[in-house]
Amino acid sequence: MHGSGARPIIPALARLHETLAPFAWPLVRATIGLTLVPHGAQKLFGWFGGGGIAGTAQGFEGMGFQPGVFWAVVAGLVEFAGGLMLAAGF
């Protein structure tokens, strides 16, 4: 159990847990990162039915974020590049 002192609810699964535990965080990082990438692609490139920079900027300006283009690029880059980096383990 990696020294946590926790006991498994189902003791028969302790060996399975110890085997799969090293893969848990990489799986979480990959799942979240690869979920963020398409959201960023919608904002930056208009892929997957997104509005691209222009549509996203209009949406941001409608929410009061000025200038909308700047915030659309920032949000898109954070989601796209950040998602790729998270999935890669950075």
Protein backbone atom coordinates (compact mmCIF):
# COMPACT_ATOMS: atom_id res chain seq x y z
CA MET A 1 0.00 0.00 0.00
CA HIS A 2 3.02 2.26 -0.45
CA GLY A 3 3.44 2.91 3.27
CA SER A 4 0.16 4.79 3.68
CA GLY A 5 -1.10 2.43 6.36
CA ALA A 6 -4.49 2.33 4.65
CA ARG A 7 -6.20 -1.01 4.40
CA PRO A 8 -8.13 -1.90 1.28
CA ILE A 9 -11.90 -2.24 1.58
CA ILE A 10 -11.67 -5.49 -0.38
CA PRO A 11 -8.46 -7.18 0.80
CA ALA A 12 -8.45 -9.53 -2.18
CA LEU A 13 -7.85 -6.53 -4.47
CA ALA A 14 -4.74 -5.31 -2.60
CA ARG A 15 -2.37 -6.96 -5.06
CA LEU A 16 -4.24 -5.48 -8.04
CA HIS A 17 -4.08 -2.04 -6.42
CA GLU A 18 -0.34 -2.33 -5.84
CA THR A 19 0.15 -3.39 -9.45
CA LEU A 20 -1.92 -0.60 -11.01
CA ALA A 21 -1.16 2.27 -8.59
CA PRO A 22 1.91 3.51 -10.51
CA PHE A 23 -0.28 4.07 -13.58
CA ALA A 24 -3.01 6.09 -11.83
CA TRP A 25 -1.50 9.60 -12.00
CA PRO A 26 -0.20 9.26 -15.57
CA LEU A 27 -3.68 8.13 -16.59
CA VAL A 28 -5.28 11.10 -14.81
CA ARG A 29 -2.79 13.53 -16.44
CA ALA A 30 -3.36 12.08 -19.91
CA THR A 31 -7.14 12.09 -19.54
CA ILE A 32 -7.39 15.67 -18.30
CA GLY A 33 -4.73 16.96 -20.69
CA LEU A 34 -6.28 15.34 -23.75
CA THR A 35 -9.67 16.68 -22.70
CA LEU A 36 -8.32 20.24 -22.60
CA VAL A 37 -6.66 20.10 -26.04
CA PRO A 38 -9.90 20.06 -28.10
CA HIS A 39 -11.30 22.94 -26.03
CA GLY A 40 -8.24 25.00 -26.87
CA ALA A 41 -8.45 23.95 -30.52
CA GLN A 42 -12.03 25.23 -30.64
CA LYS A 43 -10.91 28.63 -29.42
CA LEU A 44 -7.74 28.90 -31.53
CA PHE A 45 -8.57 27.14 -34.78
CA GLY A 46 -12.35 26.73 -34.86
CA TRP A 47 -11.99 22.94 -34.86
CA PHE A 48 -14.68 20.66 -33.40
CA GLY A 49 -17.41 23.24 -34.03
CA GLY A 50 -15.66 26.08 -32.23
CA GLY A 51 -15.81 29.75 -33.12
CA GLY A 52 -12.10 30.26 -33.69
CA ILE A 53 -10.38 33.40 -32.43
CA ALA A 54 -13.05 35.75 -33.78
CA GLY A 55 -16.00 33.88 -32.30
CA THR A 56 -14.27 33.30 -28.99
CA ALA A 57 -13.22 36.96 -28.82
CA GLN A 58 -16.81 38.02 -29.37
CA GLY A 59 -17.92 35.71 -26.57
CA PHE A 60 -15.28 37.05 -24.19
CA GLU A 61 -16.21 40.65 -24.99
CA GLY A 62 -19.83 39.77 -24.31
CA MET A 63 -18.73 38.62 -20.85
CA GLY A 64 -16.87 41.88 -20.28
CA PHE A 65 -13.31 40.76 -20.98
CA GLN A 66 -11.52 43.49 -22.92
CA PRO A 67 -9.84 43.15 -25.40
CA GLY A 68 -11.61 39.97 -26.42
CA VAL A 69 -8.98 38.85 -28.94
CA PHE A 70 -6.22 38.90 -26.31
CA TRP A 71 -8.24 36.83 -23.85
CA ALA A 72 -9.37 34.42 -26.57
CA VAL A 73 -5.74 33.75 -27.53
CA VAL A 74 -4.67 33.41 -23.88
CA ALA A 75 -7.50 30.99 -23.06
CA GLY A 76 -6.94 28.97 -26.22
CA LEU A 77 -3.18 28.70 -25.68
CA VAL A 78 -3.54 27.76 -22.03
CA GLU A 79 -6.00 25.01 -22.87
CA PHE A 80 -4.25 23.74 -26.01
CA ALA A 81 -0.57 23.96 -25.03
CA GLY A 82 -1.26 23.36 -21.35
CA GLY A 83 -3.30 20.28 -22.16
CA LEU A 84 -0.53 18.87 -24.34
CA MET A 85 2.09 19.56 -21.67
CA LEU A 86 -0.06 18.06 -18.94
CA ALA A 87 -0.66 14.93 -21.01
CA ALA A 88 3.07 14.68 -21.67
CA GLY A 89 3.81 14.88 -17.96
CA PHE A 90 5.18 18.42 -17.65
